[in-house]
Protein backbone atom coordinates (compact mmCIF):
# COMPACT_ATOMS: atom_id res chain seq x y z
CA MET A 1 40.26 -287.66 230.81
CA LEU A 2 42.54 -290.65 230.33
CA LYS A 3 45.66 -291.33 228.29
CA CYS A 4 47.25 -294.59 227.18
CA SER A 5 50.96 -294.93 226.55
CA PHE A 6 50.23 -296.56 223.15
CA GLY A 7 47.14 -294.53 222.17
CA ILE A 8 47.31 -291.41 220.03
CA ALA A 9 44.24 -289.64 221.45
CA PRO A 10 42.86 -289.03 224.93
CA SER A 11 39.79 -290.89 226.11
CA VAL A 12 37.27 -290.62 228.92
CA LEU A 13 36.51 -292.71 231.98
CA ASN A 14 32.79 -293.40 232.10
CA VAL A 15 31.65 -294.12 235.64
CA LEU A 16 28.18 -295.56 236.01
CA PRO A 17 26.25 -294.31 239.06
CA ILE A 18 25.82 -297.83 240.52
CA ASN A 19 27.72 -297.06 243.74
CA ARG A 20 25.61 -293.95 244.38
CA VAL A 21 28.52 -291.83 245.58
CA LEU A 22 28.98 -288.47 243.89
CA SER A 23 31.67 -285.79 243.85
CA SER A 24 30.87 -282.52 242.07
CA SER A 25 27.62 -284.18 240.90
CA LEU A 26 29.59 -286.94 239.12
CA PRO A 27 29.83 -290.63 240.10
CA VAL A 28 33.03 -291.57 241.95
CA ALA A 29 35.12 -294.30 240.28
CA ASN A 30 36.44 -297.31 242.14
CA ILE A 31 39.19 -299.70 241.06
CA LEU A 32 36.70 -302.04 239.38
CA ASP A 33 35.63 -299.43 236.78
CA THR A 34 37.78 -300.97 234.02
CA LYS A 35 35.32 -302.53 231.60
CA PRO A 36 36.41 -301.89 227.98
CA PHE A 37 33.90 -299.87 225.94
CA VAL A 38 31.80 -299.31 229.09
CA ASN A 39 34.19 -297.53 231.48
CA ILE A 40 37.28 -297.16 229.29
CA LEU A 41 36.69 -295.99 225.73
CA PRO A 42 39.20 -296.35 222.84
CA PHE A 43 42.22 -294.05 222.56
CA GLY A 44 41.98 -293.43 218.82
CA MET A 45 44.72 -295.48 217.21
CA CYS A 46 46.99 -298.02 218.94
CA SER A 47 50.70 -298.36 218.19
CA SER A 48 51.48 -301.38 220.39
CA LEU A 49 52.99 -304.35 218.57
CA ALA A 50 51.36 -306.56 221.21
CA ASN A 51 48.05 -305.66 219.55
CA PRO A 52 47.46 -308.33 216.84
CA ALA A 53 45.86 -305.78 214.48
CA VAL A 54 48.93 -303.51 214.70
CA THR A 55 51.27 -306.48 214.20
CA ALA A 56 49.37 -307.63 211.10
CA ALA A 57 49.23 -304.13 209.60
CA THR A 58 52.93 -303.56 210.35
CA SER A 59 53.83 -306.88 208.69
CA ALA A 60 51.75 -305.96 205.65
CA ALA A 61 53.62 -302.62 205.50
CA LEU A 62 56.97 -304.47 205.40
CA GLY A 63 57.89 -303.60 208.99
CA VAL A 64 56.78 -299.96 209.02
CA LEU A 65 54.84 -299.41 212.25
CA THR A 66 51.21 -299.04 211.26
CA PRO A 67 48.83 -297.99 214.05
CA MET A 68 45.37 -299.53 214.03
CA PRO A 69 42.13 -298.62 215.84
CA CYS A 70 42.40 -298.98 219.61
CA THR A 71 40.46 -301.76 221.29
CA PRO A 72 41.19 -301.48 225.02
CA VAL A 73 41.56 -304.83 226.75
CA THR A 74 41.64 -304.14 230.48
CA ALA A 75 41.30 -307.31 232.51
CA THR A 76 42.66 -306.14 235.86
CA PRO A 77 41.48 -303.46 238.31
CA TRP A 78 43.02 -299.99 238.57
CA VAL A 79 46.09 -299.88 240.79
CA SER A 80 45.26 -297.19 243.33
CA PRO A 81 47.03 -296.18 246.55
CA SER A 82 43.72 -295.22 248.19
CA ARG A 83 42.22 -296.97 251.20
CA THR A 84 38.94 -295.03 250.88
CA LEU A 85 36.19 -297.42 249.77
CA VAL A 86 33.30 -296.79 247.38
CA GLY A 87 31.04 -299.74 246.69
CA GLY A 88 33.32 -301.97 248.75
CA SER A 89 36.45 -301.25 246.67
CA PRO A 90 39.13 -298.53 246.86
CA ILE A 91 38.44 -295.39 244.84
CA ALA A 92 40.37 -294.80 241.64
CA THR A 93 42.37 -291.63 242.31
CA THR A 94 44.14 -289.37 239.84
CA SER A 95 47.34 -291.31 240.59
CA ALA A 96 45.73 -294.67 239.75
CA LYS A 97 47.00 -296.75 236.82
CA CYS A 98 45.27 -299.38 234.71
CA PHE A 99 47.01 -301.69 232.26
CA CYS A 100 45.88 -302.91 228.86
CA THR A 101 46.64 -306.49 227.86
CA PHE A 102 48.40 -305.04 224.80
CA GLY A 103 50.96 -303.31 227.05
CA GLY A 104 49.52 -299.83 227.40
CA ALA A 105 49.64 -298.02 230.73
CA ILE A 106 46.42 -296.05 231.22
CA SER A 107 46.48 -293.04 233.52
CA VAL A 108 44.24 -290.15 234.50
CA VAL A 109 45.29 -286.79 233.05
CA SER A 110 42.45 -284.61 234.31
CA THR A 111 39.15 -284.79 236.14
CA PRO A 112 36.15 -282.46 236.30
CA ALA A 113 35.52 -283.45 239.92
CA MET A 114 36.58 -281.19 242.72
CA ARG A 115 39.60 -282.22 244.73
CA VAL A 116 38.67 -284.67 247.49
CA LYS A 117 41.20 -285.75 250.07
CA ALA A 118 41.14 -289.56 250.38
CA LYS A 119 43.36 -291.83 252.43
């Protein structure tokens, strides 16, 4: 499960099994698993004024913040402290962060995988 600092609902991290590494029968994520609508799904509604849809709706509401549907725009990899590689890139740990172009900080809030010690 993921959360975004500007989203109103949790979301999920979808990890495709392309790297063929599993933990608790689930694919392990690496820092490149950031594709919007593939790996990172919307967080319900977005309240970031950096989102053009929110800005337009807020202007139309005479300055009253008006959240609009979330459209995650993640152009950079997860920031992860891990040195353990999966598919040639560091794994995305529960302490990893990903950033949306609209200013949201995306973080992991829970995982169904068992705890794996990675360096």
